[in-house]
Protein backbone atom coordinates (compact mmCIF):
# COMPACT_ATOMS: atom_id res chain seq x y z
CA MET A 1 -28.33 32.94 7.53
CA ALA A 2 -25.01 34.20 7.81
CA ASP A 3 -22.58 33.16 10.68
CA THR A 4 -19.17 33.92 11.90
CA HIS A 5 -17.05 32.20 9.41
CA THR A 6 -19.26 33.60 6.34
CA ALA A 7 -20.05 37.48 7.09
CA LEU A 8 -18.59 39.80 5.17
CA ILE A 9 -18.67 42.02 8.43
CA THR A 10 -17.74 41.01 11.56
CA ASN A 11 -16.48 44.34 12.81
CA ASP A 12 -19.49 45.84 15.19
CA ALA A 13 -17.96 49.44 14.62
CA VAL A 14 -18.82 49.11 10.98
CA VAL A 15 -22.05 47.34 11.34
CA LEU A 16 -23.37 49.91 13.58
CA GLY A 17 -22.04 52.68 10.74
CA LEU A 18 -24.10 50.45 8.39
CA LEU A 19 -27.06 50.90 10.51
CA ALA A 20 -26.45 54.51 11.15
CA ILE A 21 -26.30 55.39 7.23
CA ILE A 22 -29.57 53.20 6.66
CA LEU A 23 -31.78 54.96 9.50
CA GLY A 24 -30.37 58.27 8.19
CA PHE A 25 -31.48 57.26 4.74
CA ILE A 26 -34.98 56.40 5.60
CA PHE A 27 -35.56 59.39 7.66
CA LYS A 28 -33.83 61.75 4.41
CA THR A 29 -36.28 60.19 1.90
CA SER A 30 -39.39 59.73 4.13
CA SER A 31 -39.17 63.68 5.07
CA SER A 32 -38.20 64.49 1.42
CA GLU A 33 -41.43 66.53 -0.44
CA ASN A 34 -40.50 64.32 -3.79
CA PRO A 35 -44.08 63.09 -4.92
CA LYS A 36 -42.80 59.68 -5.66
CA LEU A 37 -41.27 59.11 -2.37
CA LYS A 38 -44.04 60.54 -0.63
CA ALA A 39 -46.52 58.24 -2.52
CA PHE A 40 -43.73 55.31 -1.62
CA TYR A 41 -44.11 56.35 2.28
CA LYS A 42 -47.91 56.70 2.31
CA TYR A 43 -48.31 53.13 1.66
CA VAL A 44 -44.75 51.62 3.33
CA PRO A 45 -44.09 52.80 6.61
CA ALA A 46 -40.90 54.11 7.60
CA LEU A 47 -40.51 52.16 10.86
CA LEU A 48 -41.12 48.99 8.99
CA LEU A 49 -38.05 49.71 6.61
CA CYS A 50 -36.12 50.47 9.70
CA TYR A 51 -36.33 46.62 10.34
CA PHE A 52 -36.45 45.21 6.99
CA LEU A 53 -33.32 46.91 5.55
CA PRO A 54 -31.04 45.56 8.33
CA SER A 55 -32.71 42.45 7.89
CA LEU A 56 -31.37 42.14 4.28
CA LEU A 57 -27.59 42.79 5.67
CA ASN A 58 -28.42 39.10 7.89
CA THR A 59 -30.02 37.58 5.24
CA PHE A 60 -27.70 38.01 2.60
CA GLY A 61 -24.60 37.06 4.74
CA ILE A 62 -23.09 40.54 4.94
CA VAL A 63 -23.39 40.84 8.67
CA ASP A 64 -23.99 37.82 11.05
CA GLY A 65 -26.81 39.23 13.61
CA HIS A 66 -26.68 36.85 16.06
CA SER A 67 -22.80 37.33 16.87
CA SER A 68 -22.62 41.04 16.59
CA ASN A 69 -23.27 42.67 19.95
CA VAL A 70 -24.97 45.55 18.50
CA TYR A 71 -28.36 44.33 19.95
CA TYR A 72 -26.89 43.84 23.44
CA VAL A 73 -25.48 47.19 23.34
CA ALA A 74 -29.13 49.06 22.03
CA SER A 75 -30.95 47.00 24.77
CA ARG A 76 -28.78 47.34 27.66
CA TYR A 77 -27.54 50.82 27.39
CA LEU A 78 -29.71 52.72 24.73
CA LEU A 79 -32.94 50.98 25.42
CA PRO A 80 -33.17 51.79 29.67
CA ALA A 81 -31.66 55.24 29.03
CA CYS A 82 -34.72 55.80 26.22
CA LEU A 83 -37.59 54.60 28.74
CA ILE A 84 -35.99 56.93 31.04
CA LEU A 85 -36.13 59.61 29.04
CA LEU A 86 -39.76 58.83 27.83
CA THR A 87 -41.05 58.51 31.02
CA ILE A 88 -40.16 61.78 32.48
CA SER A 89 -41.90 63.52 30.27
CA ILE A 90 -45.01 61.39 31.04
CA ASP A 91 -47.85 63.29 32.17
CA LEU A 92 -49.77 60.52 34.23
CA LYS A 93 -52.70 62.40 35.30
CA ALA A 94 -53.46 62.54 31.68
CA ILE A 95 -52.67 59.34 30.74
CA LEU A 96 -54.96 58.11 33.86
CA ASN A 97 -57.48 60.23 32.17
CA LEU A 98 -57.52 57.63 28.73
CA GLY A 99 -59.69 55.67 31.39
CA PRO A 100 -60.12 51.69 31.68
CA LYS A 101 -60.34 50.81 27.65
CA ALA A 102 -56.75 50.74 27.48
CA LEU A 103 -55.98 48.57 30.00
CA ILE A 104 -58.82 46.24 29.00
CA MET A 105 -57.04 45.93 25.55
CA PHE A 106 -53.98 45.12 26.83
CA LEU A 107 -55.13 42.30 28.66
CA VAL A 108 -57.64 41.17 25.82
CA GLY A 109 -53.92 41.03 24.14
CA THR A 110 -52.59 38.93 26.54
CA LEU A 111 -55.32 36.63 26.98
CA GLY A 112 -55.22 36.08 22.77
CA ILE A 113 -51.37 35.03 23.10
CA VAL A 114 -52.34 32.53 26.04
CA ILE A 115 -55.41 30.92 24.46
CA GLY A 116 -53.93 31.28 20.79
CA GLY A 117 -50.69 28.91 21.45
CA PRO A 118 -52.41 25.71 22.09
CA LEU A 119 -55.02 26.43 19.90
CA SER A 120 -52.61 26.88 16.87
CA ILE A 121 -51.30 23.62 18.21
CA LEU A 122 -54.88 21.99 18.00
CA VAL A 123 -55.59 23.09 14.51
CA VAL A 124 -52.33 22.07 12.89
CA SER A 125 -52.19 18.58 14.63
CA VAL A 126 -55.81 18.11 13.17
CA PHE A 127 -54.10 17.76 9.34
CA ASN A 128 -50.33 17.43 10.47
CA PRO A 129 -49.37 16.23 13.85
CA ASP A 130 -45.77 15.86 13.25
CA LEU A 131 -45.13 19.52 12.78
CA VAL A 132 -46.34 19.95 16.50
CA GLY A 133 -44.67 16.84 17.70
CA GLY A 134 -41.44 16.18 19.08
CA HIS A 135 -40.15 14.80 22.38
CA GLY A 136 -37.43 15.99 24.73
CA PRO A 137 -36.16 19.47 24.73
CA GLU A 138 -36.29 20.14 20.79
CA ALA A 139 -40.29 19.55 21.34
CA VAL A 140 -41.89 22.13 19.46
CA TRP A 141 -44.42 23.14 22.23
CA ARG A 142 -41.38 23.86 24.41
CA GLY A 143 -40.04 26.14 21.39
CA MET A 144 -43.14 27.94 21.64
CA THR A 145 -43.24 28.59 25.34
CA THR A 146 -40.37 30.90 24.32
CA VAL A 147 -42.38 33.17 21.80
CA ALA A 148 -45.24 33.14 24.38
CA GLY A 149 -42.70 34.98 26.63
CA SER A 150 -41.57 37.19 23.77
CA TRP A 151 -45.16 37.91 22.72
CA ILE A 152 -46.41 38.80 26.41
CA GLY A 153 -43.50 40.29 27.80
CA GLY A 154 -40.27 40.54 26.00
CA GLY A 155 -36.64 39.45 26.10
CA ALA A 156 -36.32 38.67 29.89
CA ASN A 157 -39.16 36.47 29.69
CA GLN A 158 -38.75 34.85 26.52
CA ALA A 159 -35.01 33.55 28.33
CA SER A 160 -37.03 32.88 31.68
CA MET A 161 -39.52 30.22 29.47
CA LYS A 162 -36.38 28.83 27.91
CA GLU A 163 -34.99 28.15 31.28
CA MET A 164 -37.96 26.58 33.05
CA PHE A 165 -39.41 24.34 30.17
CA GLU A 166 -35.57 23.67 29.24
CA VAL A 167 -35.76 24.38 25.96
CA GLY A 168 -33.25 22.85 23.26
CA GLY A 169 -30.69 25.20 21.27
CA ASP A 170 -32.13 24.16 17.87
CA ILE A 171 -36.16 24.45 18.22
CA PHE A 172 -35.31 27.85 20.57
CA SER A 173 -33.44 29.71 17.42
CA VAL A 174 -35.57 28.42 14.83
CA MET A 175 -38.69 29.89 17.02
CA VAL A 176 -36.63 33.42 17.50
CA THR A 177 -37.05 33.64 14.04
CA VAL A 178 -40.43 33.05 14.02
CA ASP A 179 -41.01 34.98 16.63
CA VAL A 180 -39.52 38.07 14.87
CA ILE A 181 -40.66 37.66 11.47
CA VAL A 182 -44.66 37.37 12.32
CA ALA A 183 -44.50 39.68 15.02
CA ASN A 184 -43.10 42.25 12.83
CA ILE A 185 -45.70 41.10 9.84
CA TRP A 186 -48.37 42.08 12.57
CA MET A 187 -46.69 45.39 13.37
CA ALA A 188 -46.55 46.24 9.82
CA VAL A 189 -50.56 45.63 9.70
CA LEU A 190 -50.86 48.04 12.78
CA LEU A 191 -48.79 50.46 11.30
CA LEU A 192 -50.78 50.57 8.11
CA MET A 193 -53.61 50.87 10.28
CA ALA A 194 -52.51 53.93 12.45
CA ALA A 195 -51.67 55.75 8.94
CA ASN A 196 -55.51 55.49 8.64
CA HIS A 197 -56.79 55.66 12.33
CA LYS A 198 -58.69 58.89 11.91
CA LYS A 199 -61.28 56.91 8.99
CA ILE A 200 -60.78 53.89 10.98
CA ASP A 201 -62.12 55.16 14.40
CA ALA A 202 -64.95 57.20 12.52
CA ALA A 203 -66.18 53.97 11.27
CA THR A 204 -66.25 52.07 14.42
CA GLY A 205 -67.81 55.05 16.40
CA ALA A 206 -64.86 55.19 18.69
CA ASP A 207 -64.98 58.04 21.43
CA THR A 208 -61.17 59.55 20.90
CA THR A 209 -61.75 63.03 22.96
CA ALA A 210 -59.82 61.51 26.11
CA ILE A 211 -56.37 61.04 23.42
CA GLU A 212 -57.11 64.22 21.71
CA ASP A 213 -56.78 65.96 24.98
CA LEU A 214 -53.60 64.24 25.97
CA LYS A 215 -52.00 65.38 22.97
CA ASN A 216 -53.48 68.96 23.00
CA ARG A 217 -51.88 69.09 26.94
CA VAL A 218 -48.59 67.82 25.49
CA GLU A 219 -48.55 70.27 22.59
CA LYS A 220 -49.51 73.06 24.72
CA TYR A 221 -46.87 72.37 27.29
CA HIS A 222 -44.30 72.23 24.47
CA ALA A 223 -45.60 75.65 23.19
CA GLU A 224 -45.31 76.98 26.72
CA HIS A 225 -41.67 75.93 27.50
CA ALA A 226 -39.89 74.44 24.36
CA ARG A 227 -36.91 76.41 23.65
CA MET A 228 -33.77 75.78 21.12
CA PRO A 229 -31.57 73.28 22.59
CA THR A 230 -27.56 74.13 23.83
CA LEU A 231 -25.01 72.03 24.13
CA ASN A 232 -25.92 72.27 27.89
CA ASP A 233 -29.46 71.08 27.42
CA TYR A 234 -28.16 67.98 25.60
CA MET A 235 -25.30 67.13 28.06
CA THR A 236 -27.56 67.32 30.86
CA ILE A 237 -30.07 64.75 28.92
CA ILE A 238 -27.50 62.70 28.58
CA ALA A 239 -26.05 62.89 32.33
CA ILE A 240 -29.38 62.38 33.45
CA ALA A 241 -30.41 59.26 30.94
CA PHE A 242 -26.94 57.31 31.15
CA GLY A 243 -26.66 58.36 35.01
CA ILE A 244 -29.63 56.61 35.96
CA THR A 245 -29.37 53.62 32.99
CA GLY A 246 -26.13 52.75 35.28
CA LEU A 247 -27.65 53.30 38.61
CA ALA A 248 -29.96 50.62 37.25
CA HIS A 249 -27.22 48.42 36.15
CA PHE A 250 -25.72 48.75 39.42
CA CYS A 251 -28.85 47.73 41.21
CA ALA A 252 -29.89 45.01 38.80
CA ASP A 253 -26.48 43.37 39.35
CA PHE A 254 -27.39 42.79 42.75
CA LEU A 255 -31.17 41.96 42.91
CA GLY A 256 -31.26 39.68 40.17
CA PRO A 257 -28.84 37.22 41.73
CA PHE A 258 -30.19 37.72 45.24
CA PHE A 259 -33.56 36.62 44.34
CA ALA A 260 -32.14 34.07 41.98
CA ASN A 261 -30.37 32.64 45.24
CA ASN A 262 -32.68 33.21 47.57
CA TYR A 263 -36.05 32.53 46.45
CA ALA A 264 -37.34 29.84 44.57
CA TRP A 265 -40.10 30.90 43.22
CA ALA A 266 -38.36 34.25 41.81
CA LYS A 267 -37.95 32.30 38.29
CA GLU A 268 -41.47 32.46 37.78
CA TYR A 269 -42.14 35.86 37.63
CA SER A 270 -38.50 37.07 35.99
CA LEU A 271 -37.34 38.55 39.57
CA ASN A 272 -34.22 36.38 38.92
CA SER A 273 -33.45 38.43 35.36
CA LYS A 274 -31.23 41.28 35.57
CA PHE A 275 -32.74 42.27 32.45
CA PHE A 276 -35.91 42.69 34.23
CA TRP A 277 -34.83 44.79 37.10
CA LEU A 278 -32.78 46.92 34.61
CA ILE A 279 -36.09 48.00 32.81
CA VAL A 280 -38.08 48.37 35.87
CA ILE A 281 -36.02 50.43 37.90
CA SER A 282 -35.10 52.68 35.14
CA THR A 283 -38.91 52.71 34.25
CA THR A 284 -39.92 53.56 37.75
CA ILE A 285 -37.12 56.01 38.36
CA GLY A 286 -38.35 57.79 35.23
CA ILE A 287 -42.14 57.91 36.45
CA SER A 288 -40.79 59.28 40.08
CA LEU A 289 -38.94 62.57 38.18
CA SER A 290 -41.91 63.15 36.20
CA PHE A 291 -43.44 64.71 39.37
CA THR A 292 -40.40 67.29 39.70
CA LYS A 293 -38.59 69.85 37.79
CA VAL A 294 -36.52 67.04 36.06
CA ARG A 295 -39.38 66.93 33.74
CA GLN A 296 -38.42 70.08 32.37
CA ILE A 297 -35.96 68.47 30.21
CA GLU A 298 -38.54 67.51 27.66
CA ALA A 299 -39.10 71.04 26.77
CA PHE A 300 -35.64 70.95 24.91
CA GLY A 301 -35.85 67.59 23.33
CA ALA A 302 -35.88 64.42 25.71
CA SER A 303 -37.79 62.36 24.29
CA LYS A 304 -36.30 63.44 20.35
CA VAL A 305 -33.06 62.05 22.00
CA ALA A 306 -34.63 59.22 23.31
CA SER A 307 -36.37 58.44 20.10
CA SER A 308 -33.19 58.23 18.39
CA PHE A 309 -31.96 55.87 20.70
CA LEU A 310 -35.16 53.67 20.03
CA TYR A 311 -34.58 53.76 16.00
CA ILE A 312 -31.01 52.01 16.73
CA LEU A 313 -32.17 49.40 18.82
CA VAL A 314 -35.13 49.08 16.27
CA ALA A 315 -32.59 48.57 13.55
CA SER A 316 -30.56 46.46 15.57
CA ILE A 317 -33.64 43.75 16.01
CA GLY A 318 -33.82 43.86 12.15
CA LEU A 319 -30.40 42.63 12.06
CA HIS A 320 -31.58 39.73 13.97
CA MET A 321 -34.18 38.63 10.97
CA ASN A 322 -33.65 36.25 8.18
CA VAL A 323 -36.37 36.57 5.62
CA THR A 324 -35.35 33.55 4.03
CA ALA A 325 -36.37 31.48 6.97
CA ILE A 326 -39.88 31.49 6.44
CA PHE A 327 -39.27 29.15 3.16
CA SER A 328 -37.53 27.04 5.34
CA ASN A 329 -39.52 26.25 7.80
CA PRO A 330 -42.87 27.05 6.61
CA GLY A 331 -44.80 24.94 8.98
CA LEU A 332 -43.98 26.49 11.97
CA PHE A 333 -44.42 29.81 10.15
CA LEU A 334 -48.21 28.68 9.66
CA ILE A 335 -48.44 28.03 13.76
CA GLY A 336 -47.05 31.08 14.61
CA GLY A 337 -49.27 32.88 11.87
CA ILE A 338 -52.69 30.91 13.19
CA TRP A 339 -51.18 32.10 16.69
CA MET A 340 -50.86 35.65 15.60
CA LEU A 341 -54.33 35.69 13.67
CA THR A 342 -55.86 34.63 17.09
CA HIS A 343 -54.36 37.56 19.14
CA ALA A 344 -55.30 39.44 16.43
CA SER A 345 -59.20 38.60 15.79
CA LEU A 346 -60.09 38.52 19.50
CA MET A 347 -58.32 42.03 19.97
CA LEU A 348 -60.42 43.80 16.82
CA ILE A 349 -63.46 41.99 18.07
CA VAL A 350 -63.27 43.39 21.64
CA ALA A 351 -62.38 47.27 20.45
CA LYS A 352 -65.44 46.87 18.07
CA LEU A 353 -67.61 45.55 21.03
CA ILE A 354 -66.46 48.30 23.36
CA LYS A 355 -65.80 50.90 20.80
CA ALA A 356 -62.08 51.24 21.82
CA PRO A 357 -60.43 53.61 19.37
CA LEU A 358 -57.65 51.86 16.96
CA PHE A 359 -54.67 53.83 19.25
CA TYR A 360 -55.72 51.54 22.37
CA MET A 361 -55.60 48.14 20.02
CA ALA A 362 -52.63 48.73 18.35
CA VAL A 363 -50.50 49.66 21.48
CA GLY A 364 -52.42 47.02 23.88
CA SER A 365 -51.52 44.72 21.34
CA GLN A 366 -47.95 45.84 20.73
CA ALA A 367 -47.31 46.25 24.57
CA ASN A 368 -47.52 42.19 24.72
CA VAL A 369 -45.83 41.52 21.13
CA GLY A 370 -43.35 44.18 20.89
CA GLY A 371 -42.32 44.99 24.46
CA ALA A 372 -40.80 48.42 25.57
CA ALA A 373 -39.04 48.22 22.43
CA SER A 374 -41.54 48.91 19.80
CA ALA A 375 -44.95 49.60 21.84
CA PRO A 376 -43.91 53.50 22.20
CA VAL A 377 -42.78 53.33 18.21
CA VAL A 378 -46.36 51.92 17.47
CA ALA A 379 -47.93 54.34 19.70
CA SER A 380 -46.12 57.52 18.37
CA ALA A 381 -47.09 56.43 14.67
CA PHE A 382 -50.24 57.89 16.26
CA HIS A 383 -48.85 60.88 17.83
CA PRO A 384 -45.39 61.54 18.95
CA SER A 385 -46.82 62.27 22.61
CA LEU A 386 -48.56 59.10 22.89
CA ALA A 387 -45.29 57.30 23.10
CA PRO A 388 -45.00 57.00 27.06
CA VAL A 389 -48.78 55.31 27.02
CA GLY A 390 -46.68 52.51 24.81
CA VAL A 391 -44.20 52.29 27.37
CA LEU A 392 -46.27 52.04 30.55
CA LEU A 393 -48.30 49.19 29.14
CA ALA A 394 -45.19 47.56 27.71
CA VAL A 395 -43.69 47.32 31.66
CA LEU A 396 -47.07 45.80 32.83
CA GLY A 397 -45.93 43.32 30.03
CA TYR A 398 -42.77 42.55 31.66
CA GLY A 399 -44.77 42.31 34.89
CA VAL A 400 -47.21 39.89 33.88
CA GLY A 401 -45.37 38.29 31.30
CA THR A 402 -43.70 35.20 32.86
CA TYR A 403 -46.65 34.25 34.51
CA MET A 404 -48.91 34.07 31.72
CA ALA A 405 -46.31 32.86 29.10
CA TYR A 406 -46.15 29.87 32.01
CA ILE A 407 -49.70 29.00 32.23
CA CYS A 408 -49.77 28.75 28.06
CA GLY A 409 -46.88 26.56 28.17
CA LEU A 410 -48.93 24.49 30.24
CA MET A 411 -51.81 24.17 28.20
CA MET A 412 -49.47 24.12 25.30
CA GLN A 413 -48.09 20.85 26.66
CA ALA A 414 -51.42 19.68 27.67
CA VAL A 415 -52.38 19.77 24.09
CA ALA A 416 -49.35 18.91 22.19
CA PRO A 417 -49.76 15.19 20.23
């Protein structure tokens, strides 16, 4: 992996420019009428390339993704702005009409992560106990607690696990790579399934009428209210998005330290995390505004602006991946693979049993594993109007992430050799 001394490019402005060019190239080619390109993108999702191509910059030492501040800026400024714009456009009543299956699949996904961690340790310890062993801060099970935090909630929950279980720096950096690569392989599978969701739903006999109703309502709203956006419209969108983001930062800077200093239990629920409050406040204000006239900004492209922010974030996440790490630590990737396979198998079995649409399974899984950064993207792979469903479930993941990851951590500690 690149470091700050060997990376060819260290200027973040140049890095951001490269990411923008990569995203522009992917979107231009994926919308091309060229038969060869259409055939290529039929099997390789554009979103996957938005992760994979930036990862090559890090893998080959062109950019050091871990020392670059592009991800920090994207996650702290663009992500909350994106969540605000997506949630303002929510038709909450229509989402509630989707029924309980969406929530059931999300909770099943959480359960799959909680039991998958200790199960993967038990399976691997049968033939190679040293691989899941270790003592002190660098013990493998400790590093795995941070993956549990990431896969149930997100970055804030991951950081909470690192502090709560006193995870060593070396095992943490390895587990970050396991987290990103295994999660992105699973997301690639979900995107491939999303491309064929109609065939899969027909085969399983899933009832998709509520989803179709939501899509129709959104499309009807756009047809009735859409107009060609003006500069005034774009400036209004930017003012709302970053104005509320600024307010959320202001509140988070107060609430995080307040809970950290006054309530010992706050750490267990991520209430001491500024990032947790940033996401919760941004989303809460966005949902509140969806009941007001502010929702009309969706008519002139609020969700499209939000999506552009989201793809910059996606590319910056890809910048943290080192695809050669899978060969340098194959054993730990085996653990991650068994873990993810447990989660995926449980979700697919329950989805089959309750005849849940593939959309509920994919978004319920990604709301856990990918969080607010990628759940809306996977949701929009089914239809752009469904992105807010991913946002809502991902925020639920932030809420339960630390608590459930803590339980998972205790279970992994109990079974570790």
